[in-house]
C-alpha atoms as a PDB file:
ATOM      1  CA  UNK A   1      30.748   2.406  57.515  1.00  0.00           C
ATOM      2  CA  UNK A   2      27.231   2.837  56.224  1.00  0.00           C
ATOM      3  CA  UNK A   3      24.207   1.108  57.674  1.00  0.00           C
ATOM      4  CA  UNK A   4      22.382  -1.590  55.691  1.00  0.00           C
ATOM      5  CA  UNK A   5      19.478   0.836  55.183  1.00  0.00           C
ATOM      6  CA  UNK A   6      21.813   3.466  53.732  1.00  0.00           C
ATOM      7  CA  UNK A   7      23.340   0.857  51.386  1.00  0.00           C
ATOM      8  CA  UNK A   8      19.852  -0.158  50.301  1.00  0.00           C
ATOM      9  CA  UNK A   9      19.004   3.481  49.591  1.00  0.00           C
ATOM     10  CA  UNK A  10      22.184   3.884  47.513  1.00  0.00           C
ATOM     11  CA  UNK A  11      21.337   0.744  45.540  1.00  0.00           C
ATOM     12  CA  UNK A  12      17.831   2.077  44.882  1.00  0.00           C
ATOM     13  CA  UNK A  13      19.243   5.426  43.770  1.00  0.00           C
ATOM     14  CA  UNK A  14      21.683   3.735  41.390  1.00  0.00           C
ATOM     15  CA  UNK A  15      18.912   1.602  39.902  1.00  0.00           C
ATOM     16  CA  UNK A  16      16.658   4.641  39.428  1.00  0.00           C
ATOM     17  CA  UNK A  17      19.518   6.561  37.816  1.00  0.00           C
ATOM     18  CA  UNK A  18      20.264   3.644  35.480  1.00  0.00           C
ATOM     19  CA  UNK A  19      16.613   3.391  34.434  1.00  0.00           C
ATOM     20  CA  UNK A  20      16.438   7.158  33.900  1.00  0.00           C
ATOM     21  CA  UNK A  21      19.601   7.119  31.798  1.00  0.00           C
ATOM     22  CA  UNK A  22      18.208   4.277  29.657  1.00  0.00           C
ATOM     23  CA  UNK A  23      14.908   6.137  29.134  1.00  0.00           C
ATOM     24  CA  UNK A  24      16.665   9.352  28.151  1.00  0.00           C
ATOM     25  CA  UNK A  25      19.085   7.551  25.854  1.00  0.00           C
ATOM     26  CA  UNK A  26      16.204   5.654  24.229  1.00  0.00           C
ATOM     27  CA  UNK A  27      14.392   8.944  23.621  1.00  0.00           C
ATOM     28  CA  UNK A  28      17.503  10.436  22.003  1.00  0.00           C
ATOM     29  CA  UNK A  29      17.865   7.328  19.824  1.00  0.00           C
ATOM     30  CA  UNK A  30      14.227   7.522  18.745  1.00  0.00           C
ATOM     31  CA  UNK A  31      14.625  11.220  17.868  1.00  0.00           C
ATOM     32  CA  UNK A  32      17.409  10.284  15.462  1.00  0.00           C
ATOM     33  CA  UNK A  33      15.176   7.648  13.801  1.00  0.00           C
ATOM     34  CA  UNK A  34      18.017   5.171  13.345  1.00  0.00           C
ATOM     35  CA  UNK A  35      15.759   2.156  13.703  1.00  0.00           C
ATOM     36  CA  UNK A  36      18.194   0.623  16.187  1.00  0.00           C
ATOM     37  CA  UNK A  37      17.196  -0.877  19.509  1.00  0.00           C
ATOM     38  CA  UNK A  38      19.276  -0.274  22.647  1.00  0.00           C
ATOM     39  CA  UNK A  39      20.517  -3.895  22.441  1.00  0.00           C
ATOM     40  CA  UNK A  40      21.558  -3.416  18.806  1.00  0.00           C
ATOM     41  CA  UNK A  41      23.240  -0.169  19.818  1.00  0.00           C
ATOM     42  CA  UNK A  42      25.276  -2.037  22.415  1.00  0.00           C
ATOM     43  CA  UNK A  43      26.282  -4.658  19.840  1.00  0.00           C
ATOM     44  CA  UNK A  44      27.423  -1.973  17.369  1.00  0.00           C
ATOM     45  CA  UNK A  45      29.496  -0.241  20.052  1.00  0.00           C
ATOM     46  CA  UNK A  46      31.044  -3.560  21.061  1.00  0.00           C
ATOM     47  CA  UNK A  47      31.739  -4.487  17.441  1.00  0.00           C
ATOM     48  CA  UNK A  48      33.577  -1.198  16.919  1.00  0.00           C
ATOM     49  CA  UNK A  49      36.043  -2.030  19.708  1.00  0.00           C
ATOM     50  CA  UNK A  50      37.411  -5.141  18.009  1.00  0.00           C
ATOM     51  CA  UNK A  51      40.623  -4.737  16.006  1.00  0.00           C
ATOM     52  CA  UNK A  52      39.354  -7.117  13.334  1.00  0.00           C
ATOM     53  CA  UNK A  53      35.837  -8.287  12.562  1.00  0.00           C
ATOM     54  CA  UNK A  54      34.874 -10.706  15.366  1.00  0.00           C
ATOM     55  CA  UNK A  55      33.099 -14.038  15.252  1.00  0.00           C
ATOM     56  CA  UNK A  56      29.592 -14.322  16.716  1.00  0.00           C
ATOM     57  CA  UNK A  57      31.060 -16.221  19.664  1.00  0.00           C
ATOM     58  CA  UNK A  58      33.477 -13.336  20.338  1.00  0.00           C
ATOM     59  CA  UNK A  59      30.586 -10.877  20.376  1.00  0.00           C
ATOM     60  CA  UNK A  60      28.519 -13.113  22.660  1.00  0.00           C
ATOM     61  CA  UNK A  61      31.417 -13.359  25.094  1.00  0.00           C
ATOM     62  CA  UNK A  62      32.027  -9.588  25.099  1.00  0.00           C
ATOM     63  CA  UNK A  63      28.323  -8.846  25.542  1.00  0.00           C
ATOM     64  CA  UNK A  64      27.963 -11.625  28.141  1.00  0.00           C
ATOM     65  CA  UNK A  65      24.957 -13.127  26.362  1.00  0.00           C
ATOM     66  CA  UNK A  66      24.198 -16.455  24.720  1.00  0.00           C
ATOM     67  CA  UNK A  67      25.248 -16.792  21.066  1.00  0.00           C
ATOM     68  CA  UNK A  68      21.601 -17.079  19.944  1.00  0.00           C
ATOM     69  CA  UNK A  69      20.947 -13.557  21.246  1.00  0.00           C
ATOM     70  CA  UNK A  70      23.816 -12.239  19.118  1.00  0.00           C
ATOM     71  CA  UNK A  71      22.456 -14.022  16.063  1.00  0.00           C
ATOM     72  CA  UNK A  72      19.108 -12.287  16.502  1.00  0.00           C
ATOM     73  CA  UNK A  73      20.759  -8.874  16.932  1.00  0.00           C
ATOM     74  CA  UNK A  74      23.041  -9.389  13.931  1.00  0.00           C
ATOM     75  CA  UNK A  75      20.081 -10.529  11.809  1.00  0.00           C
ATOM     76  CA  UNK A  76      18.282  -7.258  12.544  1.00  0.00           C
ATOM     77  CA  UNK A  77      21.343  -5.095  11.975  1.00  0.00           C
ATOM     78  CA  UNK A  78      22.190  -6.939   8.768  1.00  0.00           C
ATOM     79  CA  UNK A  79      18.632  -6.451   7.482  1.00  0.00           C
ATOM     80  CA  UNK A  80      19.057  -2.698   8.129  1.00  0.00           C
ATOM     81  CA  UNK A  81      22.429  -2.612   6.356  1.00  0.00           C
ATOM     82  CA  UNK A  82      24.448  -1.773   9.487  1.00  0.00           C
ATOM     83  CA  UNK A  83      26.569  -4.955   9.526  1.00  0.00           C
ATOM     84  CA  UNK A  84      27.408  -7.792   7.168  1.00  0.00           C
ATOM     85  CA  UNK A  85      28.497 -11.356   7.619  1.00  0.00           C
ATOM     86  CA  UNK A  86      31.812 -12.102   5.924  1.00  0.00           C
ATOM     87  CA  UNK A  87      33.781 -15.330   5.595  1.00  0.00           C
ATOM     88  CA  UNK A  88      37.013 -15.515   7.554  1.00  0.00           C
ATOM     89  CA  UNK A  89      39.932 -15.229   5.104  1.00  0.00           C
ATOM     90  CA  UNK A  90      41.788 -18.097   6.805  1.00  0.00           C
ATOM     91  CA  UNK A  91      38.962 -20.462   7.739  1.00  0.00           C
ATOM     92  CA  UNK A  92      35.949 -20.437   5.418  1.00  0.00           C
ATOM     93  CA  UNK A  93      33.800 -22.176   8.058  1.00  0.00           C
ATOM     94  CA  UNK A  94      34.103 -19.126  10.307  1.00  0.00           C
ATOM     95  CA  UNK A  95      31.850 -16.138   9.746  1.00  0.00           C
ATOM     96  CA  UNK A  96      32.921 -12.714  10.946  1.00  0.00           C
ATOM     97  CA  UNK A  97      30.743  -9.668  11.527  1.00  0.00           C
ATOM     98  CA  UNK A  98      31.792  -6.409   9.875  1.00  0.00           C
ATOM     99  CA  UNK A  99      30.471  -2.877  10.198  1.00  0.00           C
ATOM    100  CA  UNK A 100      29.197  -1.360   6.965  1.00  0.00           C
ATOM    101  CA  UNK A 101      29.488   2.310   6.057  1.00  0.00           C
ATOM    102  CA  UNK A 102      25.878   2.712   7.264  1.00  0.00           C
ATOM    103  CA  UNK A 103      26.909   1.004  10.495  1.00  0.00           C
ATOM    104  CA  UNK A 104      29.777   3.462  11.021  1.00  0.00           C
ATOM    105  CA  UNK A 105      27.414   6.368  10.360  1.00  0.00           C
ATOM    106  CA  UNK A 106      24.929   4.893  12.839  1.00  0.00           C
ATOM    107  CA  UNK A 107      27.717   4.565  15.418  1.00  0.00           C
ATOM    108  CA  UNK A 108      28.485   8.273  15.117  1.00  0.00           C
ATOM    109  CA  UNK A 109      24.808   9.073  15.666  1.00  0.00           C
ATOM    110  CA  UNK A 110      24.666   6.633  18.585  1.00  0.00           C
ATOM    111  CA  UNK A 111      27.643   8.384  20.136  1.00  0.00           C
ATOM    112  CA  UNK A 112      25.866  11.727  19.780  1.00  0.00           C
ATOM    113  CA  UNK A 113      22.693  10.285  21.345  1.00  0.00           C
ATOM    114  CA  UNK A 114      24.622   8.840  24.292  1.00  0.00           C
ATOM    115  CA  UNK A 115      26.481  12.102  24.772  1.00  0.00           C
ATOM    116  CA  UNK A 116      23.240  14.113  24.700  1.00  0.00           C
ATOM    117  CA  UNK A 117      21.665  11.724  27.225  1.00  0.00           C
ATOM    118  CA  UNK A 118      24.694  12.001  29.501  1.00  0.00           C
ATOM    119  CA  UNK A 119      24.674  15.792  29.261  1.00  0.00           C
ATOM    120  CA  UNK A 120      20.984  15.827  30.155  1.00  0.00           C
ATOM    121  CA  UNK A 121      21.565  13.612  33.200  1.00  0.00           C
ATOM    122  CA  UNK A 122      24.693  15.460  34.330  1.00  0.00           C
ATOM    123  CA  UNK A 123      23.392  18.995  33.703  1.00  0.00           C
ATOM    124  CA  UNK A 124      22.734  19.740  37.406  1.00  0.00           C
ATOM    125  CA  UNK A 125      26.335  18.884  38.377  1.00  0.00           C
ATOM    126  CA  UNK A 126      29.307  21.213  38.413  1.00  0.00           C
ATOM    127  CA  UNK A 127      32.538  20.208  36.724  1.00  0.00           C
ATOM    128  CA  UNK A 128      34.033  19.305  40.083  1.00  0.00           C
ATOM    129  CA  UNK A 129      31.018  17.170  40.972  1.00  0.00           C
ATOM    130  CA  UNK A 130      31.290  15.393  37.618  1.00  0.00           C
ATOM    131  CA  UNK A 131      34.964  14.610  38.280  1.00  0.00           C
ATOM    132  CA  UNK A 132      34.103  13.275  41.729  1.00  0.00           C
ATOM    133  CA  UNK A 133      31.255  11.170  40.357  1.00  0.00           C
ATOM    134  CA  UNK A 134      33.523   9.822  37.621  1.00  0.00           C
ATOM    135  CA  UNK A 135      36.133   8.794  40.178  1.00  0.00           C
ATOM    136  CA  UNK A 136      33.527   7.092  42.343  1.00  0.00           C
ATOM    137  CA  UNK A 137      32.072   5.241  39.359  1.00  0.00           C
ATOM    138  CA  UNK A 138      35.563   4.146  38.263  1.00  0.00           C
ATOM    139  CA  UNK A 139      36.040   2.667  41.735  1.00  0.00           C
ATOM    140  CA  UNK A 140      32.682   0.890  41.651  1.00  0.00           C
ATOM    141  CA  UNK A 141      33.131  -0.630  38.204  1.00  0.00           C
ATOM    142  CA  UNK A 142      36.799  -1.409  38.782  1.00  0.00           C
ATOM    143  CA  UNK A 143      38.292   0.565  35.927  1.00  0.00           C
ATOM    144  CA  UNK A 144      41.317   2.781  35.587  1.00  0.00           C
ATOM    145  CA  UNK A 145      40.358   6.471  35.399  1.00  0.00           C
ATOM    146  CA  UNK A 146      40.117   7.702  31.827  1.00  0.00           C
ATOM    147  CA  UNK A 147      41.611  10.950  30.593  1.00  0.00           C
ATOM    148  CA  UNK A 148      38.898  13.244  29.243  1.00  0.00           C
ATOM    149  CA  UNK A 149      35.956  10.967  29.898  1.00  0.00           C
ATOM    150  CA  UNK A 150      33.769  10.230  26.875  1.00  0.00           C
ATOM    151  CA  UNK A 151      30.402   8.554  26.487  1.00  0.00           C
END
């Protein structure tokens, strides 16, 4: 069992790593000049995981934010042509959020930026160390190990 001081050190290291990863990812995003904020990037990635275009409330729930925050993000992405609001085919009162072709292109670039940031962070590790780290992170976040980890 680790001491409280050791746990505090691990927490500090994880926070520093998270901040570093965000900075590096932001730099890679800025280099691609997509005009997308990290929060908008997260919304696009979340949107892509839905089988059908979601409602704003669905996005807010998935992102664990208030619906107003999603509205602001969607407004910005819609203004940049990355998403569009579309009426639900069954219930006209419901608005769904769809990716546009520009949004799909942006997602591919976002994936490349995330991958480049991850490679930069993980560069000092061997393949075996990466596998070990992946297993430890899976345990900490409570997920099932993925085959051929992606970013």
